[in-house]
């Protein structure tokens, strides 16, 4: 009796649940989701580069003191305002320099990130050839072949077109809705799939666009601050010194050059990636239009 009670309390073995095979196509764009962390890391690197890479390492020889990019006559004087190269002049640009370098490093990092991500989004094969082959398969009423092409291509376009073709087949099996509603459902599926994929393509591009302006403004700000310091130094010294003024202006203009370099890199990257996204969007629109037309032409209802 007790054995029977124990058997009744034991859980009954459950039948294995059949898992639905995932035959869909994933765009697998990926990328950096939180760019704020990238900016913080770049700022730390920029600050370390400014403090220890531009002007704080010393070498001693012949009784003189030499800093990383500066010259000092004696050991006691340490780093002076006598840079020996452009990096030393950049060090004298002041506290604005780490911020400009942060912007530049952020632009370079996000450029590499978007290059890799959009490379995955483009898929494995030639996009123009893929579009032509899918349109040919649709004209031949071979939806299965078009799906196989999407699985082979992958990427954003392949994922969107595959999801739309799945809805295409679903509408073929539907005997209730009229033809006009079926076409509307296919178009709605295309729009939904596109809306899900677009944010991953445009991710971090607003930051690149912001760096285009921010780099220039920081460069100009550093220049103005440097010019103010230069004229203040001349005023305190009494008689104008053209050599000191020229050195101060060169130090200030380094910030402008750094800011413009950052803005140029950001602008080129932003326009390049925007053009790639436009090409992907055009391919999606072209194939979406072809799918809707194929259904309209091949089905009476």
Protein backbone atom coordinates (compact mmCIF):
# COMPACT_ATOMS: atom_id res chain seq x y z
CA UNK A 1 0.00 0.00 0.00
CA UNK A 2 2.87 2.37 0.91
CA UNK A 3 4.71 1.49 -2.32
CA UNK A 4 1.59 2.29 -4.32
CA UNK A 5 1.34 5.69 -2.58
CA UNK A 6 4.97 6.48 -3.37
CA UNK A 7 4.49 5.60 -7.03
CA UNK A 8 1.47 7.89 -7.20
CA UNK A 9 3.50 10.79 -5.81
CA UNK A 10 6.28 10.43 -8.37
CA UNK A 11 5.94 12.86 -11.32
CA UNK A 12 4.85 11.28 -14.54
CA UNK A 13 7.34 11.47 -17.37
CA UNK A 14 6.34 14.14 -19.85
CA UNK A 15 6.35 13.54 -23.56
CA UNK A 16 9.12 15.43 -25.37
CA UNK A 17 7.87 18.67 -26.86
CA UNK A 18 8.67 19.05 -30.50
CA UNK A 19 10.56 22.24 -31.18
CA UNK A 20 9.64 24.22 -34.21
CA UNK A 21 12.53 24.49 -36.60
CA UNK A 22 13.69 28.03 -37.15
CA UNK A 23 14.03 28.26 -40.89
CA UNK A 24 14.05 32.05 -40.96
CA UNK A 25 16.91 34.25 -42.09
CA UNK A 26 18.73 36.38 -39.54
CA UNK A 27 20.36 39.62 -40.60
CA UNK A 28 22.97 39.25 -37.83
CA UNK A 29 23.96 42.93 -38.01
CA UNK A 30 25.12 43.18 -34.41
CA UNK A 31 27.31 46.09 -33.40
CA UNK A 32 27.92 48.16 -30.27
CA UNK A 33 24.63 48.82 -28.49
CA UNK A 34 25.89 51.33 -25.91
CA UNK A 35 28.16 53.93 -27.48
CA UNK A 36 28.40 55.84 -24.18
CA UNK A 37 30.78 53.18 -22.87
CA UNK A 38 32.92 53.63 -25.98
CA UNK A 39 33.10 57.39 -25.37
CA UNK A 40 34.15 56.87 -21.73
CA UNK A 41 36.89 54.42 -22.70
CA UNK A 42 38.11 56.75 -25.45
CA UNK A 43 38.23 59.63 -22.98
CA UNK A 44 40.36 57.61 -20.55
CA UNK A 45 42.74 56.65 -23.37
CA UNK A 46 42.89 60.26 -24.58
CA UNK A 47 43.65 61.56 -21.09
CA UNK A 48 46.44 59.03 -20.61
CA UNK A 49 47.82 59.86 -24.05
CA UNK A 50 47.80 63.57 -23.20
CA UNK A 51 49.44 63.17 -19.79
CA UNK A 52 51.96 60.43 -20.50
CA UNK A 53 52.33 60.33 -24.27
CA UNK A 54 52.77 63.98 -25.18
CA UNK A 55 54.89 65.56 -22.52
CA UNK A 56 55.67 63.67 -19.34
CA UNK A 57 58.43 61.14 -20.09
CA UNK A 58 62.02 62.21 -19.44
CA UNK A 59 65.38 61.09 -20.74
CA UNK A 60 68.66 62.29 -19.27
CA UNK A 61 71.89 62.70 -21.23
CA UNK A 62 74.84 65.10 -21.30
CA UNK A 63 73.65 66.76 -18.10
CA UNK A 64 70.55 68.16 -19.79
CA UNK A 65 66.91 67.26 -19.33
CA UNK A 66 64.78 66.21 -22.28
CA UNK A 67 61.05 65.63 -22.11
CA UNK A 68 59.14 63.48 -24.57
CA UNK A 69 58.55 66.27 -27.05
CA UNK A 70 60.16 69.21 -25.27
CA UNK A 71 63.57 70.60 -24.50
CA UNK A 72 64.60 71.91 -21.08
CA UNK A 73 68.09 73.29 -20.36
CA UNK A 74 68.29 71.88 -16.79
CA UNK A 75 66.76 69.04 -14.81
CA UNK A 76 65.00 71.40 -12.42
CA UNK A 77 63.09 73.19 -15.17
CA UNK A 78 61.41 70.01 -16.39
CA UNK A 79 58.89 70.43 -19.19
CA UNK A 80 59.05 73.93 -20.59
CA UNK A 81 57.16 75.72 -23.32
CA UNK A 82 59.81 74.77 -25.87
CA UNK A 83 58.33 71.89 -27.93
CA UNK A 84 60.66 70.07 -30.27
CA UNK A 85 57.93 68.72 -32.56
CA UNK A 86 54.24 68.95 -33.37
CA UNK A 87 53.22 66.60 -30.55
CA UNK A 88 54.83 68.89 -28.04
CA UNK A 89 52.95 71.82 -29.52
CA UNK A 90 49.77 69.78 -29.25
CA UNK A 91 50.47 69.18 -25.55
CA UNK A 92 50.56 72.91 -24.97
CA UNK A 93 47.08 73.19 -26.47
CA UNK A 94 45.73 72.74 -22.96
CA UNK A 95 42.82 70.91 -21.38
CA UNK A 96 40.80 70.92 -24.62
CA UNK A 97 43.21 68.48 -26.29
CA UNK A 98 41.96 65.32 -24.47
CA UNK A 99 38.38 66.15 -25.47
CA UNK A 100 39.32 66.55 -29.11
CA UNK A 101 41.32 63.31 -29.03
CA UNK A 102 38.33 61.61 -27.39
CA UNK A 103 36.12 62.68 -30.30
CA UNK A 104 38.68 61.45 -32.82
CA UNK A 105 39.09 58.06 -31.12
CA UNK A 106 35.30 57.71 -30.87
CA UNK A 107 34.92 58.43 -34.57
CA UNK A 108 37.59 55.87 -35.49
CA UNK A 109 36.10 53.22 -33.19
CA UNK A 110 32.52 53.67 -34.40
CA UNK A 111 33.72 53.77 -38.00
CA UNK A 112 35.27 50.32 -37.62
CA UNK A 113 32.17 49.09 -35.78
CA UNK A 114 29.77 50.29 -38.49
CA UNK A 115 32.03 48.98 -41.25
CA UNK A 116 31.90 45.47 -39.79
CA UNK A 117 28.17 45.65 -38.95
CA UNK A 118 27.07 46.94 -42.36
CA UNK A 119 29.34 44.41 -44.02
CA UNK A 120 27.27 41.70 -42.33
CA UNK A 121 24.06 43.51 -43.26
CA UNK A 122 24.99 43.48 -46.94
CA UNK A 123 24.97 39.68 -46.95
CA UNK A 124 27.35 37.13 -48.41
CA UNK A 125 26.86 37.53 -52.14
CA UNK A 126 26.64 40.36 -54.62
CA UNK A 127 23.56 42.40 -53.80
CA UNK A 128 22.76 43.41 -57.38
CA UNK A 129 22.97 39.80 -58.54
CA UNK A 130 20.82 38.67 -55.60
CA UNK A 131 18.08 41.16 -56.47
CA UNK A 132 18.08 40.06 -60.11
CA UNK A 133 17.90 36.35 -59.24
CA UNK A 134 15.04 36.82 -56.77
CA UNK A 135 13.05 38.83 -59.32
CA UNK A 136 13.70 36.11 -61.92
CA UNK A 137 12.49 33.42 -59.50
CA UNK A 138 9.32 35.41 -58.78
CA UNK A 139 8.64 35.85 -62.48
CA UNK A 140 8.95 32.07 -62.83
CA UNK A 141 6.48 31.60 -59.92
CA UNK A 142 9.21 29.76 -58.02
CA UNK A 143 8.83 31.10 -54.47
CA UNK A 144 10.81 28.20 -53.00
CA UNK A 145 13.84 29.16 -55.09
CA UNK A 146 13.51 32.78 -53.96
CA UNK A 147 13.50 31.61 -50.33
CA UNK A 148 16.62 29.53 -50.90
CA UNK A 149 18.32 32.56 -52.40
CA UNK A 150 17.45 34.56 -49.26
CA UNK A 151 18.86 31.85 -47.01
CA UNK A 152 22.05 31.82 -49.05
CA UNK A 153 22.39 35.61 -49.17
CA UNK A 154 21.46 36.34 -45.54
CA UNK A 155 21.99 39.90 -44.34
CA UNK A 156 19.34 42.57 -43.92
CA UNK A 157 17.88 42.36 -47.42
CA UNK A 158 17.71 38.57 -47.30
CA UNK A 159 15.98 38.61 -43.90
CA UNK A 160 13.37 41.18 -44.95
CA UNK A 161 12.62 39.50 -48.28
CA UNK A 162 12.41 36.06 -46.64
CA UNK A 163 9.87 37.31 -44.08
CA UNK A 164 7.83 38.86 -46.89
CA UNK A 165 7.94 35.66 -48.93
CA UNK A 166 6.71 33.71 -45.90
CA UNK A 167 3.68 35.99 -45.76
CA UNK A 168 3.34 35.58 -49.55
CA UNK A 169 2.99 31.80 -49.13
CA UNK A 170 0.60 32.28 -46.24
CA UNK A 171 -1.68 34.42 -48.41
CA UNK A 172 -1.55 31.81 -51.15
CA UNK A 173 -3.02 29.29 -48.71
CA UNK A 174 -5.64 31.76 -47.48
CA UNK A 175 -9.03 31.26 -49.12
CA UNK A 176 -10.99 33.79 -47.06
CA UNK A 177 -9.45 37.20 -47.69
CA UNK A 178 -9.99 38.94 -51.02
CA UNK A 179 -7.05 39.67 -53.25
CA UNK A 180 -6.82 43.36 -52.31
CA UNK A 181 -6.53 42.55 -48.62
CA UNK A 182 -3.92 39.87 -49.29
CA UNK A 183 -1.78 42.40 -51.14
CA UNK A 184 -2.19 44.82 -48.25
CA UNK A 185 -1.12 42.12 -45.77
CA UNK A 186 2.02 41.38 -47.82
CA UNK A 187 2.88 45.08 -47.99
CA UNK A 188 2.30 45.41 -44.26
CA UNK A 189 4.65 42.50 -43.58
CA UNK A 190 7.29 44.13 -45.77
CA UNK A 191 6.97 47.43 -43.90
CA UNK A 192 7.09 45.70 -40.51
CA UNK A 193 10.19 43.66 -41.36
CA UNK A 194 11.90 46.77 -42.72
CA UNK A 195 11.04 48.77 -39.60
CA UNK A 196 12.58 46.06 -37.41
CA UNK A 197 15.83 45.99 -39.36
CA UNK A 198 16.44 49.71 -40.01
CA UNK A 199 17.36 50.72 -36.42
CA UNK A 200 20.22 48.21 -36.34
CA UNK A 201 21.59 49.69 -39.58
CA UNK A 202 21.42 53.30 -38.41
CA UNK A 203 22.79 52.54 -34.96
CA UNK A 204 25.58 54.94 -33.83
CA UNK A 205 25.30 57.05 -36.99
CA UNK A 206 23.77 59.98 -35.04
CA UNK A 207 26.91 60.01 -32.89
CA UNK A 208 29.11 60.25 -35.97
CA UNK A 209 26.94 63.11 -37.21
CA UNK A 210 27.32 64.85 -33.84
CA UNK A 211 31.09 64.45 -33.90
CA UNK A 212 31.15 66.27 -37.24
CA UNK A 213 30.03 69.45 -35.50
CA UNK A 214 31.47 68.82 -32.05
CA UNK A 215 35.01 68.27 -33.31
CA UNK A 216 35.02 71.58 -35.15
CA UNK A 217 33.54 73.49 -32.21
CA UNK A 218 36.02 72.03 -29.73
CA UNK A 219 38.87 72.92 -32.07
CA UNK A 220 37.68 76.51 -32.35
CA UNK A 221 37.18 76.70 -28.59
CA UNK A 222 40.74 75.52 -27.98
CA UNK A 223 42.02 78.05 -30.48
CA UNK A 224 40.19 80.94 -28.80
CA UNK A 225 41.47 79.89 -25.37
CA UNK A 226 45.02 79.63 -26.71
CA UNK A 227 44.83 83.05 -28.33
CA UNK A 228 43.56 84.59 -25.10
CA UNK A 229 46.49 83.11 -23.19
CA UNK A 230 48.95 84.32 -25.81
CA UNK A 231 47.74 87.92 -25.72
CA UNK A 232 47.60 87.89 -21.93
CA UNK A 233 51.22 86.72 -21.81
CA UNK A 234 52.26 89.48 -24.22
CA UNK A 235 50.40 92.06 -22.18
CA UNK A 236 52.07 91.00 -18.95
CA UNK A 237 55.52 90.94 -20.57
CA UNK A 238 55.30 94.58 -21.62
CA UNK A 239 56.89 94.98 -25.05
CA UNK A 240 55.34 92.78 -27.77
CA UNK A 241 57.41 89.73 -28.66
CA UNK A 242 56.67 88.50 -32.17
CA UNK A 243 58.35 85.16 -31.52
CA UNK A 244 56.22 84.44 -28.44
CA UNK A 245 53.10 85.56 -30.27
CA UNK A 246 53.87 83.27 -33.21
CA UNK A 247 54.48 80.33 -30.88
CA UNK A 248 51.23 80.99 -29.04
CA UNK A 249 49.28 81.19 -32.29
CA UNK A 250 50.79 77.92 -33.53
CA UNK A 251 49.81 76.23 -30.26
CA UNK A 252 46.26 77.53 -30.59
CA UNK A 253 45.93 76.52 -34.24
CA UNK A 254 46.90 72.92 -33.42
CA UNK A 255 43.54 72.61 -31.70
CA UNK A 256 41.80 73.89 -34.81
CA UNK A 257 43.66 71.40 -36.99
CA UNK A 258 42.82 68.51 -34.62
CA UNK A 259 39.15 69.50 -34.50
CA UNK A 260 38.91 69.80 -38.28
CA UNK A 261 40.60 66.39 -38.70
CA UNK A 262 38.01 64.86 -36.37
CA UNK A 263 35.15 66.52 -38.24
CA UNK A 264 36.48 65.40 -41.63
CA UNK A 265 36.82 61.77 -40.51
CA UNK A 266 33.32 61.82 -39.00
CA UNK A 267 31.78 63.41 -42.10
CA UNK A 268 33.39 60.94 -44.50
CA UNK A 269 32.33 57.97 -42.36
CA UNK A 270 28.77 59.24 -41.93
CA UNK A 271 28.24 59.86 -45.66
CA UNK A 272 29.83 56.52 -46.57
CA UNK A 273 27.60 54.52 -44.24
CA UNK A 274 24.50 56.52 -45.14
CA UNK A 275 25.10 55.68 -48.78
CA UNK A 276 25.44 51.97 -47.95
CA UNK A 277 22.18 52.04 -46.00
CA UNK A 278 20.46 53.81 -48.89
CA UNK A 279 21.60 51.04 -51.24
CA UNK A 280 20.21 48.38 -48.89
CA UNK A 281 16.93 50.27 -48.59
CA UNK A 282 16.67 50.60 -52.36
CA UNK A 283 17.19 46.84 -52.78
CA UNK A 284 14.47 46.12 -50.19
CA UNK A 285 12.03 48.51 -51.90
CA UNK A 286 12.75 47.02 -55.30
CA UNK A 287 12.22 43.43 -54.17
CA UNK A 288 9.16 44.35 -52.10
CA UNK A 289 7.60 45.94 -55.14
CA UNK A 290 8.48 42.84 -57.18
CA UNK A 291 6.87 40.49 -54.63
CA UNK A 292 3.61 42.45 -54.52
CA UNK A 293 3.48 42.66 -58.32
CA UNK A 294 4.24 38.95 -58.63
CA UNK A 295 1.33 38.05 -56.36
CA UNK A 296 -0.98 40.43 -58.19
CA UNK A 297 -0.03 38.98 -61.56
CA UNK A 298 0.01 35.28 -60.61
CA UNK A 299 -3.16 35.06 -58.50
CA UNK A 300 -6.71 35.79 -59.46
CA UNK A 301 -7.84 36.01 -55.81
